[in-house]
Amino acid sequence: MIKLQNEELKKEIRILGISGSLKNTSSNSALTRAIGGLMPRNVEYMVYGSLGELPHFSPDIDGDNSPAAVNDFRRLLKNADGVIVCTPEYAFNLPGVLKNALDWTVSTGEFYEKPTAVISASPLPSGGDKAHYSVMMTMTAMQATVTDKAKLMIPSINKKMQGDEIKDDDMRDKLIAVVNELLRVIAEKPGFKL
């Protein structure tokens, strides 16, 4: 395995991975899981697996008595030092289930200045560029911290993964660079002490 630049960090860092797909055999979900194997030892990496349990966003059911699934999602985001979002592209946009999840955080600000990486992956040569753009518009609106080096579009993902295993060395290197960038941003965030 390639050694990550930030392996010398002493403090445990918590990263939350979110796949924008509910499909059992989703390449993006496999990719989200596989990223965990690229993390240095001091990183606690968790993949959020309850996207489909979030109710449709409605301000009428938000507030002091928000649904339990929403509160759990917000708590995980709040407690994470950083987030990695991996999304497929559906009909030239991000999946509705991912947009729904992100909508639940607009009023409560869990993504505000949160170090975040945005990855789109598609079997098409475009790499899911339209979904990527849509997620980035939402992240900009929520004022998440997404640097240029923490963005990645992956074309032909179906040829680069076998199950949860990354088979493409170039893609692995690019993912490691994204992880390193995310860890760098987290470590340099004001108030973060190593």
N, C-alpha and C. Protein backbone atom coordinates (compact mmCIF):
# COMPACT_ATOMS: atom_id res chain seq x y z
N MET A 1 0.84 -1.20 0.00
CA MET A 1 0.00 0.00 0.00
C MET A 1 0.88 1.25 0.00
N ILE A 2 0.44 2.26 -0.69
CA ILE A 2 1.19 3.50 -0.78
C ILE A 2 1.07 4.24 0.56
N LYS A 3 2.20 4.73 1.06
CA LYS A 3 2.21 5.44 2.34
C LYS A 3 1.62 6.83 2.14
N LEU A 4 0.71 7.19 3.02
CA LEU A 4 0.10 8.51 2.96
C LEU A 4 0.99 9.54 3.66
N GLN A 5 0.97 10.75 3.14
CA GLN A 5 1.81 11.81 3.69
C GLN A 5 1.46 12.12 5.15
N ASN A 6 0.22 12.00 5.53
CA ASN A 6 -0.21 12.44 6.85
C ASN A 6 -0.21 11.33 7.89
N GLU A 7 0.52 10.26 7.63
CA GLU A 7 0.53 9.14 8.56
C GLU A 7 1.17 9.52 9.89
N GLU A 8 1.94 10.62 9.89
CA GLU A 8 2.59 11.02 11.13
C GLU A 8 1.64 11.77 12.08
N LEU A 9 0.46 12.12 11.64
CA LEU A 9 -0.48 12.79 12.53
C LEU A 9 -0.83 11.88 13.70
N LYS A 10 -0.83 12.44 14.89
CA LYS A 10 -1.03 11.64 16.10
C LYS A 10 -2.51 11.56 16.51
N LYS A 11 -3.22 12.65 16.38
CA LYS A 11 -4.62 12.68 16.82
C LYS A 11 -5.49 11.83 15.90
N GLU A 12 -6.44 11.12 16.51
CA GLU A 12 -7.37 10.35 15.68
C GLU A 12 -8.32 11.30 14.97
N ILE A 13 -8.48 11.08 13.71
CA ILE A 13 -9.35 11.90 12.87
C ILE A 13 -10.54 11.07 12.46
N ARG A 14 -11.72 11.68 12.49
CA ARG A 14 -12.95 10.96 12.11
C ARG A 14 -13.44 11.47 10.76
N ILE A 15 -13.55 10.54 9.82
CA ILE A 15 -14.03 10.85 8.47
C ILE A 15 -15.32 10.06 8.23
N LEU A 16 -16.33 10.73 7.71
CA LEU A 16 -17.59 10.09 7.35
C LEU A 16 -17.68 10.00 5.84
N GLY A 17 -17.88 8.79 5.32
CA GLY A 17 -18.07 8.58 3.89
C GLY A 17 -19.55 8.45 3.58
N ILE A 18 -19.99 9.11 2.52
CA ILE A 18 -21.39 9.07 2.11
C ILE A 18 -21.47 8.71 0.63
N SER A 19 -22.15 7.61 0.32
CA SER A 19 -22.41 7.26 -1.08
C SER A 19 -23.79 7.79 -1.46
N GLY A 20 -23.87 8.35 -2.65
CA GLY A 20 -25.14 8.90 -3.12
C GLY A 20 -26.06 7.88 -3.75
N SER A 21 -25.75 6.60 -3.63
CA SER A 21 -26.56 5.56 -4.27
C SER A 21 -27.12 4.60 -3.24
N LEU A 22 -28.33 4.11 -3.51
CA LEU A 22 -28.94 3.08 -2.68
C LEU A 22 -28.81 1.70 -3.30
N LYS A 23 -28.31 1.62 -4.51
CA LYS A 23 -28.18 0.34 -5.22
C LYS A 23 -27.18 -0.56 -4.53
N ASN A 24 -27.55 -1.82 -4.30
CA ASN A 24 -26.68 -2.75 -3.59
C ASN A 24 -25.34 -2.94 -4.28
N THR A 25 -25.34 -2.94 -5.61
CA THR A 25 -24.10 -3.17 -6.35
C THR A 25 -23.51 -1.87 -6.91
N SER A 26 -23.82 -0.76 -6.28
CA SER A 26 -23.36 0.54 -6.76
C SER A 26 -21.84 0.65 -6.74
N SER A 27 -21.27 1.13 -7.84
CA SER A 27 -19.83 1.38 -7.91
C SER A 27 -19.43 2.47 -6.93
N ASN A 28 -20.29 3.47 -6.75
CA ASN A 28 -19.97 4.55 -5.83
C ASN A 28 -19.98 4.08 -4.38
N SER A 29 -20.89 3.17 -4.04
CA SER A 29 -20.89 2.62 -2.69
C SER A 29 -19.64 1.76 -2.47
N ALA A 30 -19.28 0.95 -3.47
CA ALA A 30 -18.05 0.15 -3.38
C ALA A 30 -16.83 1.06 -3.25
N LEU A 31 -16.82 2.14 -4.01
CA LEU A 31 -15.73 3.10 -3.94
C LEU A 31 -15.66 3.76 -2.57
N THR A 32 -16.82 4.13 -2.03
CA THR A 32 -16.87 4.75 -0.70
C THR A 32 -16.28 3.81 0.35
N ARG A 33 -16.62 2.54 0.25
CA ARG A 33 -16.06 1.55 1.19
C ARG A 33 -14.57 1.37 0.97
N ALA A 34 -14.15 1.29 -0.30
CA ALA A 34 -12.74 1.04 -0.62
C ALA A 34 -11.84 2.17 -0.13
N ILE A 35 -12.35 3.37 -0.10
CA ILE A 35 -11.55 4.51 0.36
C ILE A 35 -11.08 4.29 1.80
N GLY A 36 -11.86 3.56 2.58
CA GLY A 36 -11.45 3.26 3.95
C GLY A 36 -10.12 2.54 4.02
N GLY A 37 -9.81 1.72 3.02
CA GLY A 37 -8.56 1.00 2.98
C GLY A 37 -7.36 1.87 2.63
N LEU A 38 -7.61 3.11 2.22
CA LEU A 38 -6.53 4.04 1.87
C LEU A 38 -6.18 4.97 3.02
N MET A 39 -6.94 4.87 4.11
CA MET A 39 -6.75 5.79 5.23
C MET A 39 -5.56 5.38 6.10
N PRO A 40 -4.82 6.37 6.61
CA PRO A 40 -3.77 6.05 7.58
C PRO A 40 -4.37 5.53 8.89
N ARG A 41 -3.52 4.97 9.72
CA ARG A 41 -3.99 4.28 10.93
C ARG A 41 -4.69 5.20 11.91
N ASN A 42 -4.36 6.48 11.91
CA ASN A 42 -4.95 7.39 12.89
C ASN A 42 -6.34 7.89 12.48
N VAL A 43 -6.86 7.39 11.37
CA VAL A 43 -8.18 7.84 10.89
C VAL A 43 -9.24 6.80 11.19
N GLU A 44 -10.31 7.25 11.83
CA GLU A 44 -11.50 6.41 12.03
C GLU A 44 -12.45 6.74 10.88
N TYR A 45 -12.65 5.77 10.01
CA TYR A 45 -13.46 6.00 8.81
C TYR A 45 -14.75 5.20 8.91
N MET A 46 -15.86 5.88 8.72
CA MET A 46 -17.17 5.24 8.81
C MET A 46 -17.96 5.57 7.55
N VAL A 47 -18.62 4.57 6.98
CA VAL A 47 -19.50 4.79 5.83
C VAL A 47 -20.93 4.87 6.34
N TYR A 48 -21.58 5.98 6.02
CA TYR A 48 -22.98 6.17 6.41
C TYR A 48 -23.85 5.25 5.56
N GLY A 49 -24.66 4.42 6.21
CA GLY A 49 -25.44 3.43 5.47
C GLY A 49 -26.94 3.58 5.57
N SER A 50 -27.42 4.74 6.00
CA SER A 50 -28.87 4.89 6.23
C SER A 50 -29.49 5.99 5.38
N LEU A 51 -28.91 6.25 4.22
CA LEU A 51 -29.43 7.32 3.36
C LEU A 51 -30.90 7.09 3.01
N GLY A 52 -31.26 5.83 2.75
CA GLY A 52 -32.63 5.52 2.37
C GLY A 52 -33.64 5.62 3.50
N GLU A 53 -33.16 5.75 4.73
CA GLU A 53 -34.06 5.87 5.88
C GLU A 53 -34.45 7.31 6.19
N LEU A 54 -33.79 8.25 5.55
CA LEU A 54 -34.14 9.66 5.78
C LEU A 54 -35.46 9.98 5.11
N PRO A 55 -36.40 10.57 5.83
CA PRO A 55 -37.68 10.94 5.20
C PRO A 55 -37.48 12.07 4.20
N HIS A 56 -38.48 12.29 3.36
CA HIS A 56 -38.42 13.41 2.43
C HIS A 56 -38.30 14.69 3.24
N PHE A 57 -37.39 15.57 2.80
CA PHE A 57 -37.19 16.81 3.54
C PHE A 57 -38.45 17.66 3.52
N SER A 58 -38.82 18.14 4.70
CA SER A 58 -39.92 19.08 4.84
C SER A 58 -39.67 19.93 6.08
N PRO A 59 -39.66 21.25 5.94
CA PRO A 59 -39.51 22.11 7.11
C PRO A 59 -40.59 21.87 8.16
N ASP A 60 -41.73 21.35 7.73
CA ASP A 60 -42.83 21.13 8.67
C ASP A 60 -42.55 20.03 9.69
N ILE A 61 -41.63 19.11 9.36
CA ILE A 61 -41.32 18.05 10.33
C ILE A 61 -39.92 18.23 10.91
N ASP A 62 -39.32 19.40 10.65
CA ASP A 62 -38.00 19.70 11.21
C ASP A 62 -38.18 20.54 12.46
N GLY A 63 -37.13 20.62 13.24
CA GLY A 63 -37.18 21.43 14.45
C GLY A 63 -36.89 20.61 15.69
N ASP A 64 -37.57 20.93 16.78
CA ASP A 64 -37.31 20.26 18.06
C ASP A 64 -37.62 18.77 18.01
N ASN A 65 -38.56 18.37 17.18
CA ASN A 65 -38.95 16.97 17.09
C ASN A 65 -38.62 16.38 15.72
N SER A 66 -37.43 16.68 15.23
CA SER A 66 -37.01 16.14 13.93
C SER A 66 -36.98 14.62 13.99
N PRO A 67 -37.21 13.95 12.86
CA PRO A 67 -37.16 12.48 12.84
C PRO A 67 -35.82 11.94 13.36
N ALA A 68 -35.88 10.80 14.01
CA ALA A 68 -34.68 10.21 14.62
C ALA A 68 -33.58 9.98 13.59
N ALA A 69 -33.94 9.51 12.40
CA ALA A 69 -32.94 9.25 11.36
C ALA A 69 -32.21 10.53 10.97
N VAL A 70 -32.93 11.63 10.95
CA VAL A 70 -32.33 12.94 10.62
C VAL A 70 -31.38 13.36 11.73
N ASN A 71 -31.80 13.23 12.97
CA ASN A 71 -30.94 13.60 14.10
C ASN A 71 -29.66 12.77 14.12
N ASP A 72 -29.79 11.47 13.80
CA ASP A 72 -28.61 10.59 13.76
C ASP A 72 -27.64 11.04 12.67
N PHE A 73 -28.18 11.35 11.50
CA PHE A 73 -27.35 11.81 10.38
C PHE A 73 -26.63 13.11 10.74
N ARG A 74 -27.36 14.04 11.30
CA ARG A 74 -26.75 15.32 11.69
C ARG A 74 -25.68 15.13 12.76
N ARG A 75 -25.91 14.23 13.69
CA ARG A 75 -24.93 13.97 14.76
C ARG A 75 -23.64 13.40 14.18
N LEU A 76 -23.77 12.44 13.24
CA LEU A 76 -22.60 11.86 12.61
C LEU A 76 -21.79 12.92 11.85
N LEU A 77 -22.50 13.80 11.15
CA LEU A 77 -21.82 14.87 10.43
C LEU A 77 -21.13 15.83 11.39
N LYS A 78 -21.82 16.19 12.44
CA LYS A 78 -21.25 17.13 13.42
C LYS A 78 -20.00 16.56 14.07
N ASN A 79 -20.01 15.28 14.37
CA ASN A 79 -18.88 14.65 15.05
C ASN A 79 -17.72 14.31 14.12
N ALA A 80 -17.96 14.35 12.81
CA ALA A 80 -16.89 14.04 11.85
C ALA A 80 -15.99 15.25 11.66
N ASP A 81 -14.69 14.99 11.57
CA ASP A 81 -13.74 16.06 11.26
C ASP A 81 -13.77 16.39 9.77
N GLY A 82 -14.17 15.43 8.96
CA GLY A 82 -14.25 15.64 7.53
C GLY A 82 -15.22 14.65 6.90
N VAL A 83 -15.64 14.95 5.67
CA VAL A 83 -16.64 14.14 4.97
C VAL A 83 -16.16 13.88 3.55
N ILE A 84 -16.42 12.66 3.08
CA ILE A 84 -16.18 12.32 1.67
C ILE A 84 -17.50 11.92 1.06
N VAL A 85 -17.92 12.63 0.03
CA VAL A 85 -19.17 12.33 -0.68
C VAL A 85 -18.82 11.71 -2.03
N CYS A 86 -19.31 10.51 -2.31
CA CYS A 86 -19.14 9.85 -3.61
C CYS A 86 -20.50 9.72 -4.26
N THR A 87 -20.65 10.23 -5.45
CA THR A 87 -21.96 10.21 -6.07
C THR A 87 -21.94 9.71 -7.51
N PRO A 88 -22.96 8.93 -7.87
CA PRO A 88 -23.19 8.64 -9.28
C PRO A 88 -23.97 9.79 -9.91
N GLU A 89 -24.23 9.67 -11.19
CA GLU A 89 -25.04 10.66 -11.90
C GLU A 89 -26.30 9.98 -12.42
N TYR A 90 -27.45 10.55 -12.08
CA TYR A 90 -28.73 10.06 -12.58
C TYR A 90 -29.38 11.16 -13.39
N ALA A 91 -29.68 10.89 -14.64
CA ALA A 91 -30.40 11.85 -15.50
C ALA A 91 -29.75 13.23 -15.46
N PHE A 92 -28.42 13.25 -15.61
CA PHE A 92 -27.65 14.49 -15.66
C PHE A 92 -27.69 15.28 -14.35
N ASN A 93 -27.85 14.61 -13.22
CA ASN A 93 -27.89 15.31 -11.95
C ASN A 93 -27.46 14.37 -10.83
N LEU A 94 -27.38 14.91 -9.61
CA LEU A 94 -27.09 14.04 -8.48
C LEU A 94 -28.36 13.27 -8.12
N PRO A 95 -28.23 12.10 -7.50
CA PRO A 95 -29.40 11.33 -7.12
C PRO A 95 -30.27 12.10 -6.11
N GLY A 96 -31.58 11.96 -6.26
CA GLY A 96 -32.51 12.66 -5.37
C GLY A 96 -32.30 12.30 -3.91
N VAL A 97 -31.93 11.05 -3.63
CA VAL A 97 -31.75 10.62 -2.25
C VAL A 97 -30.57 11.35 -1.60
N LEU A 98 -29.53 11.65 -2.37
CA LEU A 98 -28.40 12.41 -1.83
C LEU A 98 -28.79 13.87 -1.62
N LYS A 99 -29.48 14.45 -2.59
CA LYS A 99 -29.93 15.84 -2.44
C LYS A 99 -30.84 15.97 -1.23
N ASN A 100 -31.70 14.98 -1.03
CA ASN A 100 -32.59 14.99 0.13
C ASN A 100 -31.79 15.02 1.43
N ALA A 101 -30.75 14.17 1.52
CA ALA A 101 -29.92 14.13 2.72
C ALA A 101 -29.24 15.48 2.96
N LEU A 102 -28.70 16.06 1.89
CA LEU A 102 -28.02 17.34 2.03
C LEU A 102 -29.01 18.44 2.43
N ASP A 103 -30.23 18.37 1.90
CA ASP A 103 -31.25 19.37 2.26
C ASP A 103 -31.53 19.38 3.75
N TRP A 104 -31.45 18.22 4.40
CA TRP A 104 -31.71 18.14 5.84
C TRP A 104 -30.66 18.90 6.66
N THR A 105 -29.53 19.26 6.05
CA THR A 105 -28.47 19.93 6.80
C THR A 105 -28.38 21.43 6.52
N VAL A 106 -29.19 21.92 5.61
CA VAL A 106 -29.09 23.34 5.22
C VAL A 106 -29.38 24.25 6.41
N SER A 107 -30.46 24.00 7.12
CA SER A 107 -30.86 24.91 8.20
C SER A 107 -30.03 24.73 9.46
N THR A 108 -29.40 23.57 9.63
CA THR A 108 -28.67 23.31 10.87
C THR A 108 -27.16 23.45 10.71
N GLY A 109 -26.67 23.53 9.49
CA GLY A 109 -25.29 23.93 9.24
C GLY A 109 -24.19 22.93 9.52
N GLU A 110 -24.48 21.64 9.45
CA GLU A 110 -23.44 20.65 9.72
C GLU A 110 -22.27 20.71 8.72
N PHE A 111 -22.53 21.17 7.50
CA PHE A 111 -21.47 21.26 6.51
C PHE A 111 -20.75 22.61 6.53
N TYR A 112 -21.18 23.54 7.37
CA TYR A 112 -20.56 24.87 7.40
C TYR A 112 -19.08 24.75 7.76
N GLU A 113 -18.21 25.15 6.84
CA GLU A 113 -16.76 25.09 6.99
C GLU A 113 -16.24 23.67 7.31
N LYS A 114 -17.03 22.65 7.00
CA LYS A 114 -16.61 21.27 7.21
C LYS A 114 -15.68 20.84 6.07
N PRO A 115 -14.46 20.41 6.37
CA PRO A 115 -13.59 19.90 5.31
C PRO A 115 -14.27 18.72 4.60
N THR A 116 -14.43 18.85 3.30
CA THR A 116 -15.21 17.89 2.52
C THR A 116 -14.50 17.58 1.21
N ALA A 117 -14.57 16.32 0.80
CA ALA A 117 -14.11 15.90 -0.52
C ALA A 117 -15.33 15.48 -1.33
N VAL A 118 -15.35 15.83 -2.60
CA VAL A 118 -16.46 15.49 -3.49
C VAL A 118 -15.91 14.66 -4.65
N ILE A 119 -16.43 13.44 -4.76
CA ILE A 119 -16.02 12.51 -5.81
C ILE A 119 -17.26 12.08 -6.58
N SER A 120 -17.18 12.11 -7.89
CA SER A 120 -18.24 11.51 -8.71
C SER A 120 -17.59 10.41 -9.54
N ALA A 121 -18.32 9.33 -9.72
CA ALA A 121 -17.81 8.21 -10.50
C ALA A 121 -18.91 7.67 -11.39
N SER A 122 -18.56 7.39 -12.62
CA SER A 122 -19.54 6.95 -13.60
C SER A 122 -18.91 5.98 -14.58
N PRO A 123 -19.70 5.05 -15.12
CA PRO A 123 -19.17 4.21 -16.20
C PRO A 123 -18.96 5.00 -17.50
N LEU A 124 -19.49 6.20 -17.58
CA LEU A 124 -19.38 7.03 -18.77
C LEU A 124 -18.06 7.81 -18.78
N PRO A 125 -17.61 8.24 -19.94
CA PRO A 125 -16.35 9.01 -20.03
C PRO A 125 -16.41 10.35 -19.30
N SER A 126 -17.61 10.86 -19.03
CA SER A 126 -17.75 12.16 -18.36
C SER A 126 -17.39 12.12 -16.88
N GLY A 127 -17.36 10.93 -16.29
CA GLY A 127 -17.05 10.82 -14.86
C GLY A 127 -18.12 11.40 -13.96
N GLY A 128 -19.34 11.53 -14.48
CA GLY A 128 -20.42 12.09 -13.66
C GLY A 128 -20.26 13.58 -13.43
N ASP A 129 -19.77 14.30 -14.44
CA ASP A 129 -19.46 15.71 -14.27
C ASP A 129 -20.66 16.57 -13.89
N LYS A 130 -21.84 16.22 -14.39
CA LYS A 130 -23.03 17.03 -14.06
C LYS A 130 -23.46 16.81 -12.61
N ALA A 131 -23.38 15.58 -12.14
CA ALA A 131 -23.68 15.30 -10.73
C ALA A 131 -22.64 15.99 -9.85
N HIS A 132 -21.39 15.94 -10.27
CA HIS A 132 -20.31 16.59 -9.53
C HIS A 132 -20.59 18.08 -9.39
N TYR A 133 -20.95 18.70 -10.49
CA TYR A 133 -21.26 20.13 -10.49
C TYR A 133 -22.44 20.43 -9.57
N SER A 134 -23.46 19.58 -9.60
CA SER A 134 -24.65 19.79 -8.76
C SER A 134 -24.30 19.69 -7.27
N VAL A 135 -23.49 18.67 -6.92
CA VAL A 135 -23.08 18.54 -5.52
C VAL A 135 -22.26 19.75 -5.10
N MET A 136 -21.38 20.21 -5.98
CA MET A 136 -20.56 21.37 -5.64
C MET A 136 -21.39 22.63 -5.47
N MET A 137 -22.44 22.81 -6.25
CA MET A 137 -23.32 23.96 -6.06
C MET A 137 -23.95 23.92 -4.66
N THR A 138 -24.39 22.72 -4.25
CA THR A 138 -24.99 22.56 -2.93
C THR A 138 -23.96 22.81 -1.84
N MET A 139 -22.76 22.26 -2.00
CA MET A 139 -21.71 22.47 -1.01
C MET A 139 -21.33 23.95 -0.90
N THR A 140 -21.32 24.65 -2.03
CA THR A 140 -21.04 26.08 -2.01
C THR A 140 -22.13 26.82 -1.24
N ALA A 141 -23.38 26.46 -1.48
CA ALA A 141 -24.48 27.10 -0.76
C ALA A 141 -24.39 26.86 0.74
N MET A 142 -23.91 25.68 1.14
CA MET A 142 -23.81 25.34 2.56
C MET A 142 -22.47 25.77 3.17
N GLN A 143 -21.60 26.36 2.34
CA GLN A 143 -20.29 26.86 2.77
C GLN A 143 -19.39 25.77 3.34
N ALA A 144 -19.47 24.58 2.74
CA ALA A 144 -18.51 23.53 3.08
C ALA A 144 -17.14 23.92 2.54
N THR A 145 -16.09 23.40 3.16
CA THR A 145 -14.73 23.66 2.70
C THR A 145 -14.30 22.54 1.76
N VAL A 146 -14.36 22.83 0.46
CA VAL A 146 -13.95 21.86 -0.56
C VAL A 146 -12.88 22.52 -1.42
N THR A 147 -11.64 22.09 -1.24
CA THR A 147 -10.55 22.66 -2.04
C THR A 147 -10.51 21.97 -3.41
N ASP A 148 -9.82 22.59 -4.34
CA ASP A 148 -9.73 22.02 -5.69
C ASP A 148 -9.11 20.62 -5.68
N LYS A 149 -8.14 20.39 -4.80
CA LYS A 149 -7.47 19.09 -4.74
C LYS A 149 -8.31 18.02 -4.04
N ALA A 150 -9.44 18.44 -3.47
CA ALA A 150 -10.35 17.48 -2.81
C ALA A 150 -11.55 17.16 -3.69
N LYS A 151 -11.41 17.41 -4.99
CA LYS A 151 -12.46 17.10 -5.96
C LYS A 151 -11.91 16.09 -6.97
N LEU A 152 -12.75 15.14 -7.33
CA LEU A 152 -12.30 14.13 -8.30
C LEU A 152 -13.49 13.59 -9.08
N MET A 153 -13.35 13.52 -10.40
CA MET A 153 -14.33 12.88 -11.26
C MET A 153 -13.67 11.64 -11.86
N ILE A 154 -14.32 10.49 -11.73
CA ILE A 154 -13.74 9.23 -12.18
C ILE A 154 -14.58 8.66 -13.32
N PRO A 155 -14.04 8.64 -14.54
CA PRO A 155 -14.75 8.00 -15.65
C PRO A 155 -14.51 6.50 -15.65
N SER A 156 -15.36 5.78 -16.34
CA SER A 156 -15.20 4.33 -16.53
C SER A 156 -14.96 3.58 -15.23
N ILE A 157 -15.71 3.93 -14.20
CA ILE A 157 -15.51 3.33 -12.87
C ILE A 157 -15.72 1.82 -12.91
N ASN A 158 -16.59 1.34 -13.78
CA ASN A 158 -16.87 -0.09 -13.88
C ASN A 158 -15.65 -0.90 -14.31
N LYS A 159 -14.65 -0.26 -14.91
CA LYS A 159 -13.43 -0.94 -15.33
C LYS A 159 -12.31 -0.82 -14.30
N LYS A 160 -12.56 -0.06 -13.23
CA LYS A 160 -11.50 0.26 -12.28
C LYS A 160 -11.72 -0.35 -10.89
N MET A 161 -12.85 -1.01 -10.71
CA MET A 161 -13.18 -1.65 -9.43
C MET A 161 -13.57 -3.10 -9.68
N GLN A 162 -13.25 -3.94 -8.73
CA GLN A 162 -13.76 -5.31 -8.72
C GLN A 162 -14.30 -5.54 -7.31
N GLY A 163 -15.62 -5.50 -7.21
CA GLY A 163 -16.23 -5.52 -5.88
C GLY A 163 -15.81 -4.27 -5.14
N ASP A 164 -15.28 -4.44 -3.91
CA ASP A 164 -14.82 -3.30 -3.13
C ASP A 164 -13.32 -3.05 -3.29
N GLU A 165 -12.73 -3.65 -4.32
CA GLU A 165 -11.28 -3.54 -4.50
C GLU A 165 -10.95 -2.63 -5.67
N ILE A 166 -10.04 -1.70 -5.43
CA ILE A 166 -9.57 -0.80 -6.48
C ILE A 166 -8.55 -1.54 -7.33
N LYS A 167 -8.80 -1.61 -8.63
CA LYS A 167 -7.93 -2.34 -9.55
C LYS A 167 -7.06 -1.42 -10.41
N ASP A 168 -7.33 -0.13 -10.38
CA ASP A 168 -6.64 0.81 -11.24
C ASP A 168 -5.65 1.63 -10.40
N ASP A 169 -4.36 1.50 -10.71
CA ASP A 169 -3.33 2.18 -9.92
C ASP A 169 -3.42 3.69 -10.01
N ASP A 170 -3.72 4.21 -11.20
CA ASP A 170 -3.84 5.66 -11.38
C ASP A 170 -4.98 6.21 -10.54
N MET A 171 -6.12 5.51 -10.54
CA MET A 171 -7.25 5.96 -9.73
C MET A 171 -6.89 5.90 -8.24
N ARG A 172 -6.20 4.83 -7.83
CA ARG A 172 -5.79 4.72 -6.42
C ARG A 172 -4.92 5.90 -6.02
N ASP A 173 -3.97 6.25 -6.88
CA ASP A 173 -3.09 7.39 -6.58
C ASP A 173 -3.89 8.69 -6.46
N LYS A 174 -4.85 8.87 -7.34
CA LYS A 174 -5.67 10.09 -7.29
C LYS A 174 -6.53 10.13 -6.03
N LEU A 175 -7.06 8.98 -5.62
CA LEU A 175 -7.85 8.91 -4.40
C LEU A 175 -6.98 9.19 -3.18
N ILE A 176 -5.77 8.67 -3.17
CA ILE A 176 -4.85 8.94 -2.06
C ILE A 176 -4.55 10.43 -1.98
N ALA A 177 -4.39 11.07 -3.14
CA ALA A 177 -4.14 12.51 -3.15
C ALA A 177 -5.34 13.27 -2.57
N VAL A 178 -6.55 12.83 -2.88
CA VAL A 178 -7.76 13.46 -2.33
C VAL A 178 -7.80 13.27 -0.81
N VAL A 179 -7.52 12.06 -0.35
CA VAL A 179 -7.51 11.79 1.09
C VAL A 179 -6.46 12.65 1.78
N ASN A 180 -5.26 12.72 1.22
CA ASN A 180 -4.21 13.54 1.81
C ASN A 180 -4.61 15.01 1.89
N GLU A 181 -5.27 15.49 0.84
CA GLU A 181 -5.70 16.88 0.84
C GLU A 181 -6.75 17.11 1.92
N LEU A 182 -7.68 16.19 2.04
CA LEU A 182 -8.72 16.33 3.07
C LEU A 182 -8.08 16.34 4.46
N LEU A 183 -7.12 15.44 4.71
CA LEU A 183 -6.45 15.40 6.00
C LEU A 183 -5.64 16.67 6.25
N ARG A 184 -5.04 17.21 5.20
CA ARG A 184 -4.29 18.46 5.35
C ARG A 184 -5.21 19.60 5.77
N VAL A 185 -6.37 19.69 5.12
CA VAL A 185 -7.32 20.76 5.44
C VAL A 185 -7.82 20.60 6.87
N ILE A 186 -8.11 19.38 7.27
CA ILE A 186 -8.55 19.13 8.65
C ILE A 186 -7.48 19.56 9.64
N ALA A 187 -6.23 19.15 9.39
CA ALA A 187 -5.13 19.45 10.32
C ALA A 187 -4.85 20.94 10.42
N GLU A 188 -5.14 21.68 9.34
CA GLU A 188 -4.86 23.12 9.34
C GLU A 188 -6.05 23.96 9.76
N LYS A 189 -7.16 23.29 10.08
CA LYS A 189 -8.35 24.03 10.49
C LYS A 189 -8.11 24.67 11.86
N PRO A 190 -8.47 25.95 12.02
CA PRO A 190 -8.29 26.61 13.32
C PRO A 190 -8.98 25.80 14.43
N GLY A 191 -8.28 25.61 15.52
CA GLY A 191 -8.84 24.88 16.65
C GLY A 191 -8.55 23.41 16.65
N PHE A 192 -8.04 22.88 15.52
CA PHE A 192 -7.69 21.46 15.48
C PHE A 192 -6.30 21.29 16.02
N LYS A 193 -6.18 20.52 17.09
CA LYS A 193 -4.88 20.32 17.73
C LYS A 193 -4.42 18.89 17.52
N LEU A 194 -3.18 18.73 17.08
CA LEU A 194 -2.61 17.41 16.87
C LEU A 194 -2.14 16.82 18.19
